[in-house]
Amino acid sequence: MANIKSSKKRAKQAVVRNLRNNSQRSQMRTAVKKVLKALDANDAAGAQEAFKAAQPLLDRFSARGLIHKNKAARHKSRLAARIKAIASAA
C-alpha cells in the first residue's frame, strides 16, 4: 500500500480509471457483438442499424485512447465490408 499522499491519490485514481475503462470496453464489445449477431442472422438492415450505433463508440473510445485508432479502423472496415456483402447478396 502506498504511504505517500500523492501516491495514495494516484492509486485511487487508477482504480476509478480501471472501472471506467472496463465499463467502456465492455460497452464497445457489446456494440460490435450486436453487429456480428445481426450479420450471422443475415439481417442486413439490423446489422446496418447496429453498425450506426457501434461506429461512434469505436471512434470515441479510440480518440480517448481506450483502444488504438487502427484497431477501431480495422473493426469498422471489416464490419462495413461484411454488411456490404450481405446487402449486395440479398
Protein backbone atom coordinates (compact mmCIF):
# COMPACT_ATOMS: atom_id res chain seq x y z
CA MET A 1 0.00 0.00 0.00
CA ALA A 2 1.17 3.49 -0.78
CA ASN A 3 2.46 5.65 2.08
CA ILE A 4 2.93 9.00 0.37
CA LYS A 5 -0.14 11.19 -0.04
CA SER A 6 0.33 11.72 -3.77
CA SER A 7 0.81 8.00 -4.40
CA LYS A 8 -2.37 7.25 -2.41
CA LYS A 9 -4.24 9.67 -4.65
CA ARG A 10 -2.75 8.06 -7.76
CA ALA A 11 -3.81 4.62 -6.51
CA LYS A 12 -7.39 5.83 -6.04
CA GLN A 13 -7.39 7.46 -9.48
CA ALA A 14 -6.11 4.25 -11.04
CA VAL A 15 -9.00 2.29 -9.52
CA VAL A 16 -11.55 4.77 -10.87
CA ARG A 17 -9.94 4.77 -14.32
CA ASN A 18 -9.81 0.97 -14.43
CA LEU A 19 -13.51 0.73 -13.60
CA ARG A 20 -14.39 3.29 -16.25
CA ASN A 21 -12.15 1.68 -18.88
CA ASN A 22 -13.58 -1.78 -18.20
CA SER A 23 -17.12 -0.46 -18.47
CA GLN A 24 -16.44 1.39 -21.71
CA ARG A 25 -14.53 -1.54 -23.22
CA SER A 26 -17.46 -3.81 -22.38
CA GLN A 27 -19.90 -1.34 -23.93
CA MET A 28 -17.83 -1.25 -27.12
CA ARG A 29 -17.53 -5.03 -27.34
CA THR A 30 -21.28 -5.43 -26.83
CA ALA A 31 -21.98 -2.97 -29.64
CA VAL A 32 -19.67 -4.87 -32.00
CA LYS A 33 -21.23 -8.20 -30.98
CA LYS A 34 -24.70 -6.85 -31.83
CA VAL A 35 -23.49 -6.11 -35.35
CA LEU A 36 -21.93 -9.57 -35.65
CA LYS A 37 -25.10 -11.23 -34.38
CA ALA A 38 -27.19 -9.40 -36.98
CA LEU A 39 -24.67 -10.37 -39.67
CA ASP A 40 -24.80 -14.02 -38.64
CA ALA A 41 -28.60 -13.87 -38.92
CA ASN A 42 -28.26 -12.38 -42.45
CA ASP A 43 -30.16 -9.29 -41.28
CA ALA A 44 -28.63 -6.52 -43.39
CA ALA A 45 -30.96 -3.79 -42.08
CA GLY A 46 -30.43 -4.78 -38.46
CA ALA A 47 -26.68 -5.00 -38.97
CA GLN A 48 -26.66 -1.54 -40.54
CA GLU A 49 -28.57 -0.07 -37.59
CA ALA A 50 -26.29 -1.78 -35.07
CA PHE A 51 -23.25 -0.57 -37.03
CA LYS A 52 -24.54 3.01 -36.90
CA ALA A 53 -24.63 2.68 -33.11
CA ALA A 54 -21.23 0.95 -32.85
CA GLN A 55 -19.29 3.25 -35.16
CA PRO A 56 -19.38 6.37 -32.94
CA LEU A 57 -18.42 4.27 -29.92
CA LEU A 58 -15.37 2.92 -31.72
CA ASP A 59 -14.40 6.43 -32.81
CA ARG A 60 -14.93 7.94 -29.38
CA PHE A 61 -13.03 5.28 -27.49
CA SER A 62 -10.14 5.32 -29.93
CA ALA A 63 -9.92 9.10 -29.60
CA ARG A 64 -9.76 8.72 -25.82
CA GLY A 65 -7.04 6.10 -26.08
CA LEU A 66 -9.10 3.19 -24.80
CA ILE A 67 -8.24 1.27 -27.97
CA HIS A 68 -5.74 2.02 -30.72
CA LYS A 69 -7.05 4.10 -33.62
CA ASN A 70 -6.02 1.40 -36.11
CA LYS A 71 -7.95 -1.22 -34.16
CA ALA A 72 -11.07 0.93 -34.39
CA ALA A 73 -10.49 1.47 -38.11
CA ARG A 74 -9.97 -2.27 -38.63
CA HIS A 75 -13.21 -3.14 -36.83
CA LYS A 76 -15.20 -0.55 -38.77
CA SER A 77 -13.71 -1.62 -42.09
CA ARG A 78 -14.35 -5.33 -41.59
CA LEU A 79 -17.88 -4.82 -40.31
CA ALA A 80 -18.73 -2.44 -43.14
CA ALA A 81 -17.38 -4.91 -45.70
CA ARG A 82 -19.49 -7.73 -44.26
CA ILE A 83 -22.61 -5.55 -44.19
CA LYS A 84 -21.99 -4.52 -47.81
CA ALA A 85 -21.53 -8.16 -48.86
CA ILE A 86 -24.80 -9.23 -47.22
CA ALA A 87 -26.69 -6.23 -48.63
CA SER A 88 -25.47 -6.92 -52.16
CA ALA A 89 -26.24 -10.66 -51.88
CA ALA A 90 -29.82 -10.00 -50.76
